[in-house]
Amino acid sequence: MAKKLSAGSMASLIGAAALIFASIKFPWWGMKFFAPQYPEGLDIIVYPSTLDGDIDIVNGLNHYIGMAEFSNESFPELQYLPGLIIGLAVIFIIIALLRRKSLLFVPVGLLVVGGALGIYDMNRWLTKFGTELDPKAPIELEPFVPPIIGENILANFVTHSYFTTGSFLLGAAFLLTLLPFWLERRK
């Protein structure tokens, strides 16, 4: 007979599912640009389904260094990511309701693989936009790759890249998927 999860482990997985689902409504990542002419900073804010912030201004400035314009249409992931997130939350709930201890590795594995793919994808896009510069641009720069996290200085701009609320919710969900391993350790 398969070992059943405790009520605490079920609650932990359902809590993780709720956090994953809630993350859809919050930004996951951002970049803030500071320069003498923009002391208050310009923002790019990335939600799972859309870009927000000062996109038009940033695109206008990026034109001078030969960077391609970007918009929601530039990132096909924004079209299907909300569906993947909802699907992930549903899988967590199903595993919690099945109460099968043998399935505990599934949520952890899905979050590890999904997180790794997300970081890879972000780096891929940052590399593409930072290295495929138009050689005929008014300002000539060496190709560059903005960091996923941290500070970057380019000409008179200082940028700060950071994870934000949605990513923190995913991190908390990951911790909640680990909790059942501790709760079930003696059973």
C-alpha atoms as a PDB file:
ATOM      1  CA  MET A   1       0.000   0.000   0.000  1.00  0.00           C
ATOM      2  CA  ALA A   2       1.331   3.446  -0.950  1.00  0.00           C
ATOM      3  CA  LYS A   3       2.270   5.736   1.905  1.00  0.00           C
ATOM      4  CA  LYS A   4      -0.110   8.670   2.305  1.00  0.00           C
ATOM      5  CA  LEU A   5       0.933  12.264   2.827  1.00  0.00           C
ATOM      6  CA  SER A   6       0.023  13.941   6.089  1.00  0.00           C
ATOM      7  CA  ALA A   7      -2.475  16.797   6.219  1.00  0.00           C
ATOM      8  CA  GLY A   8       0.454  19.172   6.808  1.00  0.00           C
ATOM      9  CA  SER A   9       2.177  18.015   3.618  1.00  0.00           C
ATOM     10  CA  MET A  10      -1.070  18.361   1.675  1.00  0.00           C
ATOM     11  CA  ALA A  11      -1.510  21.895   3.012  1.00  0.00           C
ATOM     12  CA  SER A  12       2.076  22.732   2.115  1.00  0.00           C
ATOM     13  CA  LEU A  13       1.592  21.611  -1.503  1.00  0.00           C
ATOM     14  CA  ILE A  14      -1.743  23.422  -1.797  1.00  0.00           C
ATOM     15  CA  GLY A  15      -0.076  26.543  -0.340  1.00  0.00           C
ATOM     16  CA  ALA A  16       2.695  26.223  -2.938  1.00  0.00           C
ATOM     17  CA  ALA A  17       0.044  25.958  -5.664  1.00  0.00           C
ATOM     18  CA  ALA A  18      -1.676  29.097  -4.357  1.00  0.00           C
ATOM     19  CA  LEU A  19       1.603  31.049  -4.379  1.00  0.00           C
ATOM     20  CA  ILE A  20       2.415  29.875  -7.903  1.00  0.00           C
ATOM     21  CA  PHE A  21      -1.038  30.895  -9.092  1.00  0.00           C
ATOM     22  CA  ALA A  22      -0.791  34.277  -7.308  1.00  0.00           C
ATOM     23  CA  SER A  23       2.585  34.963  -8.969  1.00  0.00           C
ATOM     24  CA  ILE A  24       0.755  35.524 -12.288  1.00  0.00           C
ATOM     25  CA  LYS A  25      -0.525  38.880 -11.013  1.00  0.00           C
ATOM     26  CA  PHE A  26       2.882  40.208  -9.923  1.00  0.00           C
ATOM     27  CA  PRO A  27       6.033  41.215 -11.804  1.00  0.00           C
ATOM     28  CA  TRP A  28       8.758  38.574 -11.839  1.00  0.00           C
ATOM     29  CA  TRP A  29      11.732  40.634 -13.020  1.00  0.00           C
ATOM     30  CA  GLY A  30      12.711  44.214 -13.664  1.00  0.00           C
ATOM     31  CA  MET A  31      15.440  46.505 -14.869  1.00  0.00           C
ATOM     32  CA  LYS A  32      15.824  50.123 -13.795  1.00  0.00           C
ATOM     33  CA  PHE A  33      17.929  52.581 -15.803  1.00  0.00           C
ATOM     34  CA  PHE A  34      19.475  55.686 -14.252  1.00  0.00           C
ATOM     35  CA  ALA A  35      21.257  58.491 -16.095  1.00  0.00           C
ATOM     36  CA  PRO A  36      21.808  62.214 -15.494  1.00  0.00           C
ATOM     37  CA  GLN A  37      18.839  63.004 -17.755  1.00  0.00           C
ATOM     38  CA  TYR A  38      16.700  60.340 -15.988  1.00  0.00           C
ATOM     39  CA  PRO A  39      17.564  60.695 -12.286  1.00  0.00           C
ATOM     40  CA  GLU A  40      14.219  59.156 -11.282  1.00  0.00           C
ATOM     41  CA  GLY A  41      15.053  56.134 -13.445  1.00  0.00           C
ATOM     42  CA  LEU A  42      13.317  54.315 -16.277  1.00  0.00           C
ATOM     43  CA  ASP A  43      11.745  50.917 -15.736  1.00  0.00           C
ATOM     44  CA  ILE A  44      11.255  47.695 -17.630  1.00  0.00           C
ATOM     45  CA  ILE A  45       8.945  45.485 -15.594  1.00  0.00           C
ATOM     46  CA  VAL A  46       8.270  41.907 -16.692  1.00  0.00           C
ATOM     47  CA  TYR A  47       5.091  40.096 -15.693  1.00  0.00           C
ATOM     48  CA  PRO A  48       4.422  36.521 -16.827  1.00  0.00           C
ATOM     49  CA  SER A  49       2.053  37.846 -19.508  1.00  0.00           C
ATOM     50  CA  THR A  50       3.196  41.375 -20.340  1.00  0.00           C
ATOM     51  CA  LEU A  51       5.878  44.030 -20.237  1.00  0.00           C
ATOM     52  CA  ASP A  52       5.272  47.245 -18.345  1.00  0.00           C
ATOM     53  CA  GLY A  53       7.165  50.409 -17.541  1.00  0.00           C
ATOM     54  CA  ASP A  54       8.869  52.953 -19.749  1.00  0.00           C
ATOM     55  CA  ILE A  55       9.149  50.631 -22.762  1.00  0.00           C
ATOM     56  CA  ASP A  56       8.682  53.317 -25.432  1.00  0.00           C
ATOM     57  CA  ILE A  57      11.318  55.605 -23.896  1.00  0.00           C
ATOM     58  CA  VAL A  58      13.784  52.730 -23.446  1.00  0.00           C
ATOM     59  CA  ASN A  59      13.201  51.626 -27.050  1.00  0.00           C
ATOM     60  CA  GLY A  60      13.801  55.197 -28.207  1.00  0.00           C
ATOM     61  CA  LEU A  61      17.095  55.332 -26.336  1.00  0.00           C
ATOM     62  CA  ASN A  62      18.124  51.841 -27.441  1.00  0.00           C
ATOM     63  CA  HIS A  63      17.747  52.978 -31.049  1.00  0.00           C
ATOM     64  CA  TYR A  64      20.874  55.132 -30.594  1.00  0.00           C
ATOM     65  CA  ILE A  65      23.007  52.096 -29.754  1.00  0.00           C
ATOM     66  CA  GLY A  66      21.428  49.913 -32.454  1.00  0.00           C
ATOM     67  CA  MET A  67      19.432  47.636 -30.199  1.00  0.00           C
ATOM     68  CA  ALA A  68      16.264  46.184 -31.692  1.00  0.00           C
ATOM     69  CA  GLU A  69      12.971  47.449 -30.323  1.00  0.00           C
ATOM     70  CA  PHE A  70      11.133  45.096 -28.031  1.00  0.00           C
ATOM     71  CA  SER A  71       7.501  44.701 -27.064  1.00  0.00           C
ATOM     72  CA  ASN A  72       5.159  41.997 -25.819  1.00  0.00           C
ATOM     73  CA  GLU A  73       5.211  40.537 -29.324  1.00  0.00           C
ATOM     74  CA  SER A  74       8.997  40.103 -29.126  1.00  0.00           C
ATOM     75  CA  PHE A  75       8.636  37.458 -26.422  1.00  0.00           C
ATOM     76  CA  PRO A  76       6.335  34.566 -27.361  1.00  0.00           C
ATOM     77  CA  GLU A  77       6.743  33.208 -23.826  1.00  0.00           C
ATOM     78  CA  LEU A  78       4.422  35.942 -22.582  1.00  0.00           C
ATOM     79  CA  GLN A  79       1.588  34.329 -24.546  1.00  0.00           C
ATOM     80  CA  TYR A  80       1.832  30.852 -23.019  1.00  0.00           C
ATOM     81  CA  LEU A  81       3.557  31.363 -19.648  1.00  0.00           C
ATOM     82  CA  PRO A  82       0.317  32.096 -17.728  1.00  0.00           C
ATOM     83  CA  GLY A  83      -1.134  28.792 -18.962  1.00  0.00           C
ATOM     84  CA  LEU A  84       1.984  26.920 -17.873  1.00  0.00           C
ATOM     85  CA  ILE A  85       1.805  28.560 -14.449  1.00  0.00           C
ATOM     86  CA  ILE A  86      -1.850  27.600 -13.997  1.00  0.00           C
ATOM     87  CA  GLY A  87      -1.054  24.058 -15.158  1.00  0.00           C
ATOM     88  CA  LEU A  88       1.786  23.830 -12.655  1.00  0.00           C
ATOM     89  CA  ALA A  89      -0.486  24.955  -9.820  1.00  0.00           C
ATOM     90  CA  VAL A  90      -3.107  22.377 -10.863  1.00  0.00           C
ATOM     91  CA  ILE A  91      -0.474  19.593 -10.874  1.00  0.00           C
ATOM     92  CA  PHE A  92       0.540  20.559  -7.332  1.00  0.00           C
ATOM     93  CA  ILE A  93      -3.088  20.418  -6.169  1.00  0.00           C
ATOM     94  CA  ILE A  94      -3.619  17.031  -7.825  1.00  0.00           C
ATOM     95  CA  ILE A  95      -0.509  15.637  -6.123  1.00  0.00           C
ATOM     96  CA  ALA A  96      -1.689  17.021  -2.782  1.00  0.00           C
ATOM     97  CA  LEU A  97      -5.129  15.440  -3.214  1.00  0.00           C
ATOM     98  CA  LEU A  98      -3.698  12.088  -4.324  1.00  0.00           C
ATOM     99  CA  ARG A  99      -1.654  12.129  -1.096  1.00  0.00           C
ATOM    100  CA  ARG A 100       0.957   9.790  -2.572  1.00  0.00           C
ATOM    101  CA  LYS A 101       4.345  10.182  -0.955  1.00  0.00           C
ATOM    102  CA  SER A 102       6.012   8.745  -4.076  1.00  0.00           C
ATOM    103  CA  LEU A 103       4.939  11.865  -6.038  1.00  0.00           C
ATOM    104  CA  LEU A 104       6.733  14.377  -3.785  1.00  0.00           C
ATOM    105  CA  PHE A 105       9.667  14.705  -6.169  1.00  0.00           C
ATOM    106  CA  VAL A 106       7.415  15.857  -9.029  1.00  0.00           C
ATOM    107  CA  PRO A 107       6.714  19.416  -7.731  1.00  0.00           C
ATOM    108  CA  VAL A 108      10.349  19.937  -6.756  1.00  0.00           C
ATOM    109  CA  GLY A 109      11.543  18.661 -10.122  1.00  0.00           C
ATOM    110  CA  LEU A 110       9.073  20.807 -12.040  1.00  0.00           C
ATOM    111  CA  LEU A 111      10.156  23.955 -10.190  1.00  0.00           C
ATOM    112  CA  VAL A 112      13.880  23.197 -10.582  1.00  0.00           C
ATOM    113  CA  VAL A 113      13.549  22.465 -14.307  1.00  0.00           C
ATOM    114  CA  GLY A 114      11.165  25.388 -14.869  1.00  0.00           C
ATOM    115  CA  GLY A 115      13.439  27.763 -12.977  1.00  0.00           C
ATOM    116  CA  ALA A 116      16.520  26.631 -14.899  1.00  0.00           C
ATOM    117  CA  LEU A 117      14.699  27.008 -18.223  1.00  0.00           C
ATOM    118  CA  GLY A 118      13.453  30.457 -17.180  1.00  0.00           C
ATOM    119  CA  ILE A 119      16.948  31.675 -16.298  1.00  0.00           C
ATOM    120  CA  TYR A 120      18.310  30.211 -19.542  1.00  0.00           C
ATOM    121  CA  ASP A 121      15.559  31.943 -21.542  1.00  0.00           C
ATOM    122  CA  MET A 122      16.133  35.297 -19.847  1.00  0.00           C
ATOM    123  CA  ASN A 123      19.869  35.066 -20.542  1.00  0.00           C
ATOM    124  CA  ARG A 124      19.154  34.102 -24.152  1.00  0.00           C
ATOM    125  CA  TRP A 125      17.008  37.199 -24.700  1.00  0.00           C
ATOM    126  CA  LEU A 126      19.423  39.539 -22.881  1.00  0.00           C
ATOM    127  CA  THR A 127      22.268  38.143 -24.987  1.00  0.00           C
ATOM    128  CA  LYS A 128      20.299  38.517 -28.221  1.00  0.00           C
ATOM    129  CA  PHE A 129      19.299  42.123 -27.558  1.00  0.00           C
ATOM    130  CA  GLY A 130      22.714  43.128 -26.214  1.00  0.00           C
ATOM    131  CA  THR A 131      24.879  41.506 -28.875  1.00  0.00           C
ATOM    132  CA  GLU A 132      22.858  41.884 -32.074  1.00  0.00           C
ATOM    133  CA  LEU A 133      23.419  45.628 -32.381  1.00  0.00           C
ATOM    134  CA  ASP A 134      22.991  47.480 -35.657  1.00  0.00           C
ATOM    135  CA  PRO A 135      26.474  48.472 -36.862  1.00  0.00           C
ATOM    136  CA  LYS A 136      24.947  51.590 -38.489  1.00  0.00           C
ATOM    137  CA  ALA A 137      23.663  52.921 -35.147  1.00  0.00           C
ATOM    138  CA  PRO A 138      24.496  56.557 -34.292  1.00  0.00           C
ATOM    139  CA  ILE A 139      26.474  55.435 -31.210  1.00  0.00           C
ATOM    140  CA  GLU A 140      28.873  52.554 -31.672  1.00  0.00           C
ATOM    141  CA  LEU A 141      29.239  50.214 -28.708  1.00  0.00           C
ATOM    142  CA  GLU A 142      30.846  46.877 -28.126  1.00  0.00           C
ATOM    143  CA  PRO A 143      28.214  44.147 -27.797  1.00  0.00           C
ATOM    144  CA  PHE A 144      27.237  43.490 -24.200  1.00  0.00           C
ATOM    145  CA  VAL A 145      25.013  41.234 -22.121  1.00  0.00           C
ATOM    146  CA  PRO A 146      23.006  42.904 -19.357  1.00  0.00           C
ATOM    147  CA  PRO A 147      23.064  40.842 -16.163  1.00  0.00           C
ATOM    148  CA  ILE A 148      19.971  38.996 -14.955  1.00  0.00           C
ATOM    149  CA  ILE A 149      20.707  40.295 -11.458  1.00  0.00           C
ATOM    150  CA  GLY A 150      22.973  43.180 -10.579  1.00  0.00           C
ATOM    151  CA  GLU A 151      24.380  46.394 -11.915  1.00  0.00           C
ATOM    152  CA  ASN A 152      25.649  47.232 -15.375  1.00  0.00           C
ATOM    153  CA  ILE A 153      27.157  50.476 -16.632  1.00  0.00           C
ATOM    154  CA  LEU A 154      26.759  51.381 -20.277  1.00  0.00           C
ATOM    155  CA  ALA A 155      27.788  54.849 -21.436  1.00  0.00           C
ATOM    156  CA  ASN A 156      26.116  57.248 -18.973  1.00  0.00           C
ATOM    157  CA  PHE A 157      23.451  54.715 -17.918  1.00  0.00           C
ATOM    158  CA  VAL A 158      23.607  52.604 -14.797  1.00  0.00           C
ATOM    159  CA  THR A 159      21.139  49.726 -14.872  1.00  0.00           C
ATOM    160  CA  HIS A 160      19.985  47.548 -12.020  1.00  0.00           C
ATOM    161  CA  SER A 161      18.431  44.175 -12.853  1.00  0.00           C
ATOM    162  CA  TYR A 162      16.469  42.384 -10.173  1.00  0.00           C
ATOM    163  CA  PHE A 163      13.932  39.702  -9.384  1.00  0.00           C
ATOM    164  CA  THR A 164      10.764  40.964  -7.776  1.00  0.00           C
ATOM    165  CA  THR A 165       7.499  39.922  -6.097  1.00  0.00           C
ATOM    166  CA  GLY A 166       6.390  37.156  -8.489  1.00  0.00           C
ATOM    167  CA  SER A 167       9.806  35.502  -8.327  1.00  0.00           C
ATOM    168  CA  PHE A 168       9.805  35.716  -4.545  1.00  0.00           C
ATOM    169  CA  LEU A 169       6.402  33.991  -4.509  1.00  0.00           C
ATOM    170  CA  LEU A 170       7.869  31.219  -6.667  1.00  0.00           C
ATOM    171  CA  GLY A 171      10.809  30.930  -4.257  1.00  0.00           C
ATOM    172  CA  ALA A 172       8.406  30.620  -1.323  1.00  0.00           C
ATOM    173  CA  ALA A 173       6.430  27.994  -3.273  1.00  0.00           C
ATOM    174  CA  PHE A 174       9.646  26.052  -3.804  1.00  0.00           C
ATOM    175  CA  LEU A 175      10.318  26.085  -0.064  1.00  0.00           C
ATOM    176  CA  LEU A 176       6.785  24.827   0.545  1.00  0.00           C
ATOM    177  CA  THR A 177       7.438  21.918  -1.848  1.00  0.00           C
ATOM    178  CA  LEU A 178      10.469  20.962   0.251  1.00  0.00           C
ATOM    179  CA  LEU A 179       8.581  21.087   3.548  1.00  0.00           C
ATOM    180  CA  PRO A 180       6.785  17.732   2.996  1.00  0.00           C
ATOM    181  CA  PHE A 181      10.154  15.957   2.808  1.00  0.00           C
ATOM    182  CA  TRP A 182      10.814  17.131   6.357  1.00  0.00           C
ATOM    183  CA  LEU A 183       7.250  16.496   7.530  1.00  0.00           C
ATOM    184  CA  GLU A 184       7.242  12.954   6.100  1.00  0.00           C
ATOM    185  CA  ARG A 185      10.794  11.999   7.130  1.00  0.00           C
ATOM    186  CA  ARG A 186       9.770   9.574   9.890  1.00  0.00           C
ATOM    187  CA  LYS A 187       6.819   7.965   8.178  1.00  0.00           C
END
